Amino acid sequence: MKFRVGLVQMSCSADPNENMARAEARVREAAARGAQIVCLPELFRSQYFCREEDAALFDLAEPVPGPSTELFGRIARELGVVIIASLFERRAAGLYHNTAAVIDADGELLGIYRKMHIPDDPLYFEKFYFTPGDLGFRNFDTRFGRIGILVCWDQWYPEAARLTALGGASILFYPTAIGWHPSEKAEFGVAQHDAWRTIQRSHAIANGIYVAAINRTGFEGPRDRGLEFWGASFAADPFGRVLAEASHAGEEVLIVECDPRHLEEVRRNWPFLRDRRIDAYTPITSRFLDR
């Protein structure tokens, strides 16, 4: 059956309560416009704190289940929608994850995905905060369809998209927080955004699956050491065609209809899954093929 997804592109303030209120308003807007599965951006409860290494920022974390999943559970149940919420999970003292929670339309926590690939780049110091995920690449059977979730840095890895798609999902969601370094934007900005857009379209094509990338927008941090999040959230169909795309600046809610029958049509004509040589792929588990 067809289903409609809502992609919430939003800016984030330093106040978690304000961000939660904004996220709730956007979820309600998406539902009012017909969305049945609504996805929020990565770590939307705060500004992107991984721009610096500060142990005090661990205070932003919360348990899962916890306050955010309880609130969104009530909203999901009221509206009859599925909500994907990207959270800073406190699993135990000194053990934290970048976690996406899936709340089904009955308000129950259906499950979680813990981000598997953790970056460590200038202004993206995530290895300081997050332990790599230990749940593998997962699918979730929601009221409206089977979905897969990966998070931000995961989006550059074809192995992650392939393994999640092999689980039977109709769509891959990528809650995201990605932007430009001010000093790099003039020279590399267009190419960086194009690479980000292209890699996710390629996952859609290679796997014959819908893909949705949900980014934040706005500038965060000091003018000389901050990040300009480039927005441009979008969804692509299993043929790689962009179905809807937000602007670089400003908050938007995109509504996109997905038809699982379209996966069948595309995969019949481009049978990549049929022609995979699984007998020859053992070396892919090596870090590098030394000569």
C-alpha atoms as a PDB file:
ATOM      1  CA  MET A   1       0.000   0.000   0.000  1.00  0.00           C
ATOM      2  CA  LYS A   2       1.090   3.563  -0.653  1.00  0.00           C
ATOM      3  CA  PHE A   3       2.164   5.709   2.294  1.00  0.00           C
ATOM      4  CA  ARG A   4       3.127   9.342   2.770  1.00  0.00           C
ATOM      5  CA  VAL A   5       6.232  10.541   4.567  1.00  0.00           C
ATOM      6  CA  GLY A   6       6.932  13.918   6.136  1.00  0.00           C
ATOM      7  CA  LEU A   7      10.472  15.335   6.162  1.00  0.00           C
ATOM      8  CA  VAL A   8      10.905  18.012   8.828  1.00  0.00           C
ATOM      9  CA  GLN A   9      13.690  20.489   8.045  1.00  0.00           C
ATOM     10  CA  MET A  10      14.139  22.804  11.020  1.00  0.00           C
ATOM     11  CA  SER A  11      16.604  25.135  12.686  1.00  0.00           C
ATOM     12  CA  CYS A  12      17.681  24.471  16.257  1.00  0.00           C
ATOM     13  CA  SER A  13      18.215  26.848  19.160  1.00  0.00           C
ATOM     14  CA  ALA A  14      20.282  26.440  22.323  1.00  0.00           C
ATOM     15  CA  ASP A  15      17.101  25.683  24.308  1.00  0.00           C
ATOM     16  CA  PRO A  16      16.022  22.002  24.169  1.00  0.00           C
ATOM     17  CA  ASN A  17      12.497  22.873  25.288  1.00  0.00           C
ATOM     18  CA  GLU A  18      12.127  25.346  22.447  1.00  0.00           C
ATOM     19  CA  ASN A  19      13.387  22.753  19.970  1.00  0.00           C
ATOM     20  CA  MET A  20      10.964  20.148  21.277  1.00  0.00           C
ATOM     21  CA  ALA A  21       8.077  22.576  20.896  1.00  0.00           C
ATOM     22  CA  ARG A  22       9.182  23.428  17.356  1.00  0.00           C
ATOM     23  CA  ALA A  23       9.536  19.741  16.490  1.00  0.00           C
ATOM     24  CA  GLU A  24       6.057  19.002  17.858  1.00  0.00           C
ATOM     25  CA  ALA A  25       4.570  21.827  15.798  1.00  0.00           C
ATOM     26  CA  ARG A  26       6.245  20.526  12.642  1.00  0.00           C
ATOM     27  CA  VAL A  27       5.091  16.963  13.289  1.00  0.00           C
ATOM     28  CA  ARG A  28       1.546  18.241  13.698  1.00  0.00           C
ATOM     29  CA  GLU A  29       1.867  20.236  10.477  1.00  0.00           C
ATOM     30  CA  ALA A  30       3.142  17.186   8.599  1.00  0.00           C
ATOM     31  CA  ALA A  31       0.292  15.047   9.928  1.00  0.00           C
ATOM     32  CA  ALA A  32      -2.277  17.692   8.992  1.00  0.00           C
ATOM     33  CA  ARG A  33      -0.894  17.620   5.451  1.00  0.00           C
ATOM     34  CA  GLY A  34      -1.315  13.868   5.212  1.00  0.00           C
ATOM     35  CA  ALA A  35       2.029  12.470   6.368  1.00  0.00           C
ATOM     36  CA  GLN A  36       1.866   9.038   7.974  1.00  0.00           C
ATOM     37  CA  ILE A  37       5.574   8.632   8.822  1.00  0.00           C
ATOM     38  CA  VAL A  38       7.360  11.778  10.016  1.00  0.00           C
ATOM     39  CA  CYS A  39      11.129  12.069  10.391  1.00  0.00           C
ATOM     40  CA  LEU A  40      12.971  14.792  12.322  1.00  0.00           C
ATOM     41  CA  PRO A  41      16.601  15.883  11.727  1.00  0.00           C
ATOM     42  CA  GLU A  42      19.583  14.437  13.553  1.00  0.00           C
ATOM     43  CA  LEU A  43      19.926  15.499  17.211  1.00  0.00           C
ATOM     44  CA  PHE A  44      17.180  18.100  16.826  1.00  0.00           C
ATOM     45  CA  ARG A  45      16.763  18.669  20.605  1.00  0.00           C
ATOM     46  CA  SER A  46      19.822  20.919  20.719  1.00  0.00           C
ATOM     47  CA  GLN A  47      22.197  22.761  18.520  1.00  0.00           C
ATOM     48  CA  TYR A  48      24.857  20.501  17.027  1.00  0.00           C
ATOM     49  CA  PHE A  49      27.039  20.232  20.136  1.00  0.00           C
ATOM     50  CA  CYS A  50      29.732  18.080  18.468  1.00  0.00           C
ATOM     51  CA  ARG A  51      31.369  21.235  17.135  1.00  0.00           C
ATOM     52  CA  GLU A  52      33.465  21.157  20.337  1.00  0.00           C
ATOM     53  CA  GLU A  53      34.688  18.660  22.899  1.00  0.00           C
ATOM     54  CA  ASP A  54      33.134  19.582  26.219  1.00  0.00           C
ATOM     55  CA  ALA A  55      32.292  16.973  28.859  1.00  0.00           C
ATOM     56  CA  ALA A  56      29.568  19.235  30.268  1.00  0.00           C
ATOM     57  CA  LEU A  57      27.576  18.685  27.077  1.00  0.00           C
ATOM     58  CA  PHE A  58      26.950  15.070  28.064  1.00  0.00           C
ATOM     59  CA  ASP A  59      24.209  16.595  30.215  1.00  0.00           C
ATOM     60  CA  LEU A  60      22.167  16.961  27.009  1.00  0.00           C
ATOM     61  CA  ALA A  61      21.771  13.182  26.800  1.00  0.00           C
ATOM     62  CA  GLU A  62      18.695  11.300  27.986  1.00  0.00           C
ATOM     63  CA  PRO A  63      17.644   7.669  28.401  1.00  0.00           C
ATOM     64  CA  VAL A  64      15.725   5.900  25.670  1.00  0.00           C
ATOM     65  CA  PRO A  65      12.921   5.236  26.509  1.00  0.00           C
ATOM     66  CA  GLY A  66      12.783   8.582  28.248  1.00  0.00           C
ATOM     67  CA  PRO A  67      11.164  12.025  28.220  1.00  0.00           C
ATOM     68  CA  SER A  68      11.361  12.581  24.462  1.00  0.00           C
ATOM     69  CA  THR A  69      10.015   9.178  23.476  1.00  0.00           C
ATOM     70  CA  GLU A  70       7.212   9.555  26.025  1.00  0.00           C
ATOM     71  CA  LEU A  71       6.198  12.932  24.587  1.00  0.00           C
ATOM     72  CA  PHE A  72       6.356  11.762  20.999  1.00  0.00           C
ATOM     73  CA  GLY A  73       4.525   8.601  21.976  1.00  0.00           C
ATOM     74  CA  ARG A  74       1.575  10.685  23.114  1.00  0.00           C
ATOM     75  CA  ILE A  75       1.714  12.783  19.933  1.00  0.00           C
ATOM     76  CA  ALA A  76       2.023   9.728  17.668  1.00  0.00           C
ATOM     77  CA  ARG A  77      -0.951   8.088  19.353  1.00  0.00           C
ATOM     78  CA  GLU A  78      -3.058  11.257  19.141  1.00  0.00           C
ATOM     79  CA  LEU A  79      -2.272  11.871  15.466  1.00  0.00           C
ATOM     80  CA  GLY A  80      -2.013   8.241  14.334  1.00  0.00           C
ATOM     81  CA  VAL A  81       1.424   8.769  12.792  1.00  0.00           C
ATOM     82  CA  VAL A  82       4.835   7.132  13.026  1.00  0.00           C
ATOM     83  CA  ILE A  83       7.590   9.431  14.352  1.00  0.00           C
ATOM     84  CA  ILE A  84      11.338   8.992  13.852  1.00  0.00           C
ATOM     85  CA  ALA A  85      13.221  10.989  16.496  1.00  0.00           C
ATOM     86  CA  SER A  86      17.029  11.287  16.520  1.00  0.00           C
ATOM     87  CA  LEU A  87      18.239  11.506  20.124  1.00  0.00           C
ATOM     88  CA  PHE A  88      21.423  11.733  22.211  1.00  0.00           C
ATOM     89  CA  GLU A  89      21.032   8.513  24.192  1.00  0.00           C
ATOM     90  CA  ARG A  90      22.477   8.025  27.665  1.00  0.00           C
ATOM     91  CA  ARG A  91      22.708   4.249  27.896  1.00  0.00           C
ATOM     92  CA  ALA A  92      24.735   4.149  31.110  1.00  0.00           C
ATOM     93  CA  ALA A  93      27.249   6.292  32.954  1.00  0.00           C
ATOM     94  CA  GLY A  94      29.955   7.104  30.432  1.00  0.00           C
ATOM     95  CA  LEU A  95      28.175   5.253  27.606  1.00  0.00           C
ATOM     96  CA  TYR A  96      26.331   7.317  25.014  1.00  0.00           C
ATOM     97  CA  HIS A  97      24.941   6.752  21.534  1.00  0.00           C
ATOM     98  CA  ASN A  98      23.582   8.750  18.617  1.00  0.00           C
ATOM     99  CA  THR A  99      20.224   6.978  18.440  1.00  0.00           C
ATOM    100  CA  ALA A 100      17.128   7.098  16.253  1.00  0.00           C
ATOM    101  CA  ALA A 101      13.926   6.062  18.024  1.00  0.00           C
ATOM    102  CA  VAL A 102      10.967   4.746  16.026  1.00  0.00           C
ATOM    103  CA  ILE A 103       7.589   5.389  17.615  1.00  0.00           C
ATOM    104  CA  ASP A 104       4.704   3.592  15.952  1.00  0.00           C
ATOM    105  CA  ALA A 105       1.298   5.098  15.298  1.00  0.00           C
ATOM    106  CA  ASP A 106      -0.099   3.549  18.492  1.00  0.00           C
ATOM    107  CA  GLY A 107       2.410   5.557  20.526  1.00  0.00           C
ATOM    108  CA  GLU A 108       4.606   2.586  21.429  1.00  0.00           C
ATOM    109  CA  LEU A 109       8.386   2.646  21.043  1.00  0.00           C
ATOM    110  CA  LEU A 110       8.857   0.178  18.196  1.00  0.00           C
ATOM    111  CA  GLY A 111      12.647   0.095  18.464  1.00  0.00           C
ATOM    112  CA  ILE A 112      15.883   2.023  18.078  1.00  0.00           C
ATOM    113  CA  TYR A 113      18.797   2.259  15.683  1.00  0.00           C
ATOM    114  CA  ARG A 114      22.191   3.336  16.988  1.00  0.00           C
ATOM    115  CA  LYS A 115      24.402   5.190  14.509  1.00  0.00           C
ATOM    116  CA  MET A 116      27.076   2.793  13.276  1.00  0.00           C
ATOM    117  CA  HIS A 117      29.592   5.115  11.582  1.00  0.00           C
ATOM    118  CA  ILE A 118      30.945   7.849  13.851  1.00  0.00           C
ATOM    119  CA  PRO A 119      32.930  10.721  12.271  1.00  0.00           C
ATOM    120  CA  ASP A 120      35.832  12.652  13.736  1.00  0.00           C
ATOM    121  CA  ASP A 121      36.472  15.711  11.600  1.00  0.00           C
ATOM    122  CA  PRO A 122      36.935  19.424  12.249  1.00  0.00           C
ATOM    123  CA  LEU A 123      33.741  20.667  13.959  1.00  0.00           C
ATOM    124  CA  TYR A 124      32.298  17.131  13.813  1.00  0.00           C
ATOM    125  CA  PHE A 125      33.937  15.635  16.917  1.00  0.00           C
ATOM    126  CA  GLU A 126      31.417  12.836  17.347  1.00  0.00           C
ATOM    127  CA  LYS A 127      33.862  10.199  18.543  1.00  0.00           C
ATOM    128  CA  PHE A 128      34.237  12.216  21.753  1.00  0.00           C
ATOM    129  CA  TYR A 129      30.532  11.740  22.500  1.00  0.00           C
ATOM    130  CA  PHE A 130      29.229   8.598  20.807  1.00  0.00           C
ATOM    131  CA  THR A 131      29.965   4.902  21.076  1.00  0.00           C
ATOM    132  CA  PRO A 132      29.428   3.175  17.689  1.00  0.00           C
ATOM    133  CA  GLY A 133      26.128   1.385  17.370  1.00  0.00           C
ATOM    134  CA  ASP A 134      25.923  -2.277  18.367  1.00  0.00           C
ATOM    135  CA  LEU A 135      22.489  -3.215  16.994  1.00  0.00           C
ATOM    136  CA  GLY A 136      23.466  -3.631  13.350  1.00  0.00           C
ATOM    137  CA  PHE A 137      21.458  -2.397  10.388  1.00  0.00           C
ATOM    138  CA  ARG A 138      17.781  -2.688  11.214  1.00  0.00           C
ATOM    139  CA  ASN A 139      14.320  -2.604   9.673  1.00  0.00           C
ATOM    140  CA  PHE A 140      11.102  -1.651  11.458  1.00  0.00           C
ATOM    141  CA  ASP A 141       7.592  -2.811  10.613  1.00  0.00           C
ATOM    142  CA  THR A 142       5.469   0.260  11.231  1.00  0.00           C
ATOM    143  CA  ARG A 143       1.715   0.540  10.802  1.00  0.00           C
ATOM    144  CA  PHE A 144       2.250   2.013   7.326  1.00  0.00           C
ATOM    145  CA  GLY A 145       5.188   0.034   5.987  1.00  0.00           C
ATOM    146  CA  ARG A 146       8.602  -1.473   6.558  1.00  0.00           C
ATOM    147  CA  ILE A 147      11.306   1.167   6.932  1.00  0.00           C
ATOM    148  CA  GLY A 148      15.047   1.348   7.458  1.00  0.00           C
ATOM    149  CA  ILE A 149      16.945   4.064   9.320  1.00  0.00           C
ATOM    150  CA  LEU A 150      20.539   5.203   9.059  1.00  0.00           C
ATOM    151  CA  VAL A 151      21.992   8.405  10.512  1.00  0.00           C
ATOM    152  CA  CYS A 152      24.023  11.159   8.829  1.00  0.00           C
ATOM    153  CA  TRP A 153      27.606   9.840   8.432  1.00  0.00           C
ATOM    154  CA  ASP A 154      26.110   6.437   7.650  1.00  0.00           C
ATOM    155  CA  GLN A 155      24.874   7.971   4.403  1.00  0.00           C
ATOM    156  CA  TRP A 156      28.310   7.814   2.785  1.00  0.00           C
ATOM    157  CA  TYR A 157      28.589   4.032   3.101  1.00  0.00           C
ATOM    158  CA  PRO A 158      27.045   1.841   0.376  1.00  0.00           C
ATOM    159  CA  GLU A 159      27.434  -1.198   2.644  1.00  0.00           C
ATOM    160  CA  ALA A 160      25.073   0.350   5.213  1.00  0.00           C
ATOM    161  CA  ALA A 161      22.436   1.180   2.606  1.00  0.00           C
ATOM    162  CA  ARG A 162      22.726  -2.264   1.006  1.00  0.00           C
ATOM    163  CA  LEU A 163      22.430  -4.216   4.248  1.00  0.00           C
ATOM    164  CA  THR A 164      19.486  -2.135   5.419  1.00  0.00           C
ATOM    165  CA  ALA A 165      17.764  -2.472   2.037  1.00  0.00           C
ATOM    166  CA  LEU A 166      18.323  -6.237   2.085  1.00  0.00           C
ATOM    167  CA  GLY A 167      16.193  -6.306   5.236  1.00  0.00           C
ATOM    168  CA  GLY A 168      13.165  -5.540   3.087  1.00  0.00           C
ATOM    169  CA  ALA A 169      12.576  -1.842   3.765  1.00  0.00           C
ATOM    170  CA  SER A 170      10.661   0.242   1.238  1.00  0.00           C
ATOM    171  CA  ILE A 171      12.444   3.450   2.267  1.00  0.00           C
ATOM    172  CA  LEU A 172      15.690   4.477   3.939  1.00  0.00           C
ATOM    173  CA  PHE A 173      15.498   7.497   6.253  1.00  0.00           C
ATOM    174  CA  TYR A 174      18.659   9.498   6.961  1.00  0.00           C
ATOM    175  CA  PRO A 175      18.236  12.006   9.839  1.00  0.00           C
ATOM    176  CA  THR A 176      21.113  14.390   9.180  1.00  0.00           C
ATOM    177  CA  ALA A 177      23.136  17.340  10.466  1.00  0.00           C
ATOM    178  CA  ILE A 178      25.514  18.436   7.728  1.00  0.00           C
ATOM    179  CA  GLY A 179      26.732  21.847   6.694  1.00  0.00           C
ATOM    180  CA  TRP A 180      29.500  24.034   5.361  1.00  0.00           C
ATOM    181  CA  HIS A 181      32.583  25.313   7.155  1.00  0.00           C
ATOM    182  CA  PRO A 182      32.503  29.079   6.480  1.00  0.00           C
ATOM    183  CA  SER A 183      36.111  29.059   5.277  1.00  0.00           C
ATOM    184  CA  GLU A 184      35.387  26.303   2.744  1.00  0.00           C
ATOM    185  CA  LYS A 185      32.006  27.248   1.346  1.00  0.00           C
ATOM    186  CA  ALA A 186      33.158  29.588  -1.419  1.00  0.00           C
ATOM    187  CA  GLU A 187      35.603  27.074  -2.900  1.00  0.00           C
ATOM    188  CA  PHE A 188      34.051  23.706  -2.098  1.00  0.00           C
ATOM    189  CA  GLY A 189      30.441  24.375  -1.076  1.00  0.00           C
ATOM    190  CA  VAL A 190      28.712  23.511  -4.333  1.00  0.00           C
ATOM    191  CA  ALA A 191      30.751  20.328  -4.798  1.00  0.00           C
ATOM    192  CA  GLN A 192      30.212  19.211  -1.194  1.00  0.00           C
ATOM    193  CA  HIS A 193      26.455  19.561  -1.421  1.00  0.00           C
ATOM    194  CA  ASP A 194      26.372  17.865  -4.819  1.00  0.00           C
ATOM    195  CA  ALA A 195      28.378  14.901  -3.471  1.00  0.00           C
ATOM    196  CA  TRP A 196      25.983  14.561  -0.510  1.00  0.00           C
ATOM    197  CA  ARG A 197      22.950  14.618  -2.763  1.00  0.00           C
ATOM    198  CA  THR A 198      24.510  12.269  -5.300  1.00  0.00           C
ATOM    199  CA  ILE A 199      25.580   9.558  -2.846  1.00  0.00           C
ATOM    200  CA  GLN A 200      22.081   9.246  -1.457  1.00  0.00           C
ATOM    201  CA  ARG A 201      20.482   9.169  -4.894  1.00  0.00           C
ATOM    202  CA  SER A 202      22.948   6.401  -5.723  1.00  0.00           C
ATOM    203  CA  HIS A 203      21.718   4.369  -2.733  1.00  0.00           C
ATOM    204  CA  ALA A 204      18.187   4.695  -4.093  1.00  0.00           C
ATOM    205  CA  ILE A 205      19.254   3.516  -7.537  1.00  0.00           C
ATOM    206  CA  ALA A 206      21.605   0.713  -6.478  1.00  0.00           C
ATOM    207  CA  ASN A 207      19.039  -0.763  -4.087  1.00  0.00           C
ATOM    208  CA  GLY A 208      15.815   0.085  -5.888  1.00  0.00           C
ATOM    209  CA  ILE A 209      14.458   1.841  -2.806  1.00  0.00           C
ATOM    210  CA  TYR A 210      13.086   5.203  -1.689  1.00  0.00           C
ATOM    211  CA  VAL A 211      15.549   7.417   0.181  1.00  0.00           C
ATOM    212  CA  ALA A 212      14.770  10.427   2.392  1.00  0.00           C
ATOM    213  CA  ALA A 213      17.452  12.756   3.782  1.00  0.00           C
ATOM    214  CA  ILE A 214      16.295  15.115   6.546  1.00  0.00           C
ATOM    215  CA  ASN A 215      18.729  17.923   7.396  1.00  0.00           C
ATOM    216  CA  ARG A 216      18.696  20.871   9.774  1.00  0.00           C
ATOM    217  CA  THR A 217      19.198  24.447   8.603  1.00  0.00           C
ATOM    218  CA  GLY A 218      20.701  27.657   9.976  1.00  0.00           C
ATOM    219  CA  PHE A 219      24.082  28.822  11.267  1.00  0.00           C
ATOM    220  CA  GLU A 220      25.308  27.526  14.627  1.00  0.00           C
ATOM    221  CA  GLY A 221      28.359  28.543  16.617  1.00  0.00           C
ATOM    222  CA  PRO A 222      30.819  31.449  16.470  1.00  0.00           C
ATOM    223  CA  ARG A 223      31.008  33.153  13.101  1.00  0.00           C
ATOM    224  CA  ASP A 224      34.607  31.999  12.547  1.00  0.00           C
ATOM    225  CA  ARG A 225      34.215  28.466  13.972  1.00  0.00           C
ATOM    226  CA  GLY A 226      30.605  27.610  13.315  1.00  0.00           C
ATOM    227  CA  LEU A 227      28.717  25.568  10.767  1.00  0.00           C
ATOM    228  CA  GLU A 228      26.168  26.678   8.203  1.00  0.00           C
ATOM    229  CA  PHE A 229      23.800  23.737   7.917  1.00  0.00           C
ATOM    230  CA  TRP A 230      22.730  23.546   4.316  1.00  0.00           C
ATOM    231  CA  GLY A 231      19.200  22.206   4.639  1.00  0.00           C
ATOM    232  CA  ALA A 232      18.220  20.908   1.175  1.00  0.00           C
ATOM    233  CA  SER A 233      16.355  17.922   2.636  1.00  0.00           C
ATOM    234  CA  PHE A 234      15.012  15.710  -0.139  1.00  0.00           C
ATOM    235  CA  ALA A 235      13.441  12.411  -1.098  1.00  0.00           C
ATOM    236  CA  ALA A 236      14.296  10.265  -4.117  1.00  0.00           C
ATOM    237  CA  ASP A 237      12.427   7.354  -5.650  1.00  0.00           C
ATOM    238  CA  PRO A 238      13.909   3.916  -6.492  1.00  0.00           C
ATOM    239  CA  PHE A 239      14.972   5.276  -9.893  1.00  0.00           C
ATOM    240  CA  GLY A 240      16.927   8.069  -8.211  1.00  0.00           C
ATOM    241  CA  ARG A 241      14.532  10.805  -9.254  1.00  0.00           C
ATOM    242  CA  VAL A 242      14.201  13.618  -6.713  1.00  0.00           C
ATOM    243  CA  LEU A 243      10.545  13.815  -5.723  1.00  0.00           C
ATOM    244  CA  ALA A 244      10.770  16.829  -3.419  1.00  0.00           C
ATOM    245  CA  GLU A 245      13.571  19.046  -2.179  1.00  0.00           C
ATOM    246  CA  ALA A 246      13.756  21.851   0.358  1.00  0.00           C
ATOM    247  CA  SER A 247      15.733  25.067   0.050  1.00  0.00           C
ATOM    248  CA  HIS A 248      19.140  25.589   1.631  1.00  0.00           C
ATOM    249  CA  ALA A 249      17.797  28.136   4.106  1.00  0.00           C
ATOM    250  CA  GLY A 250      14.609  28.128   6.121  1.00  0.00           C
ATOM    251  CA  GLU A 251      12.346  25.626   7.794  1.00  0.00           C
ATOM    252  CA  GLU A 252      10.185  23.414   5.579  1.00  0.00           C
ATOM    253  CA  VAL A 253       8.067  20.294   5.790  1.00  0.00           C
ATOM    254  CA  LEU A 254       8.118  18.088   2.699  1.00  0.00           C
ATOM    255  CA  ILE A 255       5.351  15.557   2.048  1.00  0.00           C
ATOM    256  CA  VAL A 256       6.170  12.693  -0.316  1.00  0.00           C
ATOM    257  CA  GLU A 257       4.069   9.705  -1.381  1.00  0.00           C
ATOM    258  CA  CYS A 258       5.835   6.340  -1.610  1.00  0.00           C
ATOM    259  CA  ASP A 259       4.470   3.320  -3.449  1.00  0.00           C
ATOM    260  CA  PRO A 260       6.108  -0.025  -2.570  1.00  0.00           C
ATOM    261  CA  ARG A 261       4.810  -1.410  -5.873  1.00  0.00           C
ATOM    262  CA  HIS A 262       7.218   0.975  -7.608  1.00  0.00           C
ATOM    263  CA  LEU A 263      10.115  -0.963  -6.043  1.00  0.00           C
ATOM    264  CA  GLU A 264       8.891  -4.092  -7.805  1.00  0.00           C
ATOM    265  CA  GLU A 265       8.647  -2.289 -11.132  1.00  0.00           C
ATOM    266  CA  VAL A 266      12.129  -0.773 -10.899  1.00  0.00           C
ATOM    267  CA  ARG A 267      13.786  -3.956  -9.651  1.00  0.00           C
ATOM    268  CA  ARG A 268      12.254  -5.997 -12.470  1.00  0.00           C
ATOM    269  CA  ASN A 269      13.919  -3.721 -15.004  1.00  0.00           C
ATOM    270  CA  TRP A 270      17.138  -3.142 -13.067  1.00  0.00           C
ATOM    271  CA  PRO A 271      17.570  -6.477 -11.225  1.00  0.00           C
ATOM    272  CA  PHE A 272      20.682  -5.542  -9.269  1.00  0.00           C
ATOM    273  CA  LEU A 273      19.707  -7.748  -6.341  1.00  0.00           C
ATOM    274  CA  ARG A 274      19.277 -10.727  -8.658  1.00  0.00           C
ATOM    275  CA  ASP A 275      22.710 -10.299 -10.240  1.00  0.00           C
ATOM    276  CA  ARG A 276      24.743  -9.745  -7.107  1.00  0.00           C
ATOM    277  CA  ARG A 277      27.724 -12.133  -6.903  1.00  0.00           C
ATOM    278  CA  ILE A 278      27.458 -12.908  -3.215  1.00  0.00           C
ATOM    279  CA  ASP A 279      29.913 -15.767  -3.684  1.00  0.00           C
ATOM    280  CA  ALA A 280      32.633 -13.252  -4.620  1.00  0.00           C
ATOM    281  CA  TYR A 281      32.199 -10.536  -2.012  1.00  0.00           C
ATOM    282  CA  THR A 282      34.101 -11.992   0.953  1.00  0.00           C
ATOM    283  CA  PRO A 283      36.964  -9.463   0.627  1.00  0.00           C
ATOM    284  CA  ILE A 284      34.541  -6.610   1.359  1.00  0.00           C
ATOM    285  CA  THR A 285      34.944  -7.411   5.053  1.00  0.00           C
ATOM    286  CA  SER A 286      38.662  -6.538   4.879  1.00  0.00           C
ATOM    287  CA  ARG A 287      39.784  -3.076   5.925  1.00  0.00           C
ATOM    288  CA  PHE A 288      41.964  -2.845   2.809  1.00  0.00           C
ATOM    289  CA  LEU A 289      43.312  -5.322   0.264  1.00  0.00           C
ATOM    290  CA  ASP A 290      47.046  -5.081   0.840  1.00  0.00           C
ATOM    291  CA  ARG A 291      49.212  -6.030  -2.123  1.00  0.00           C
END
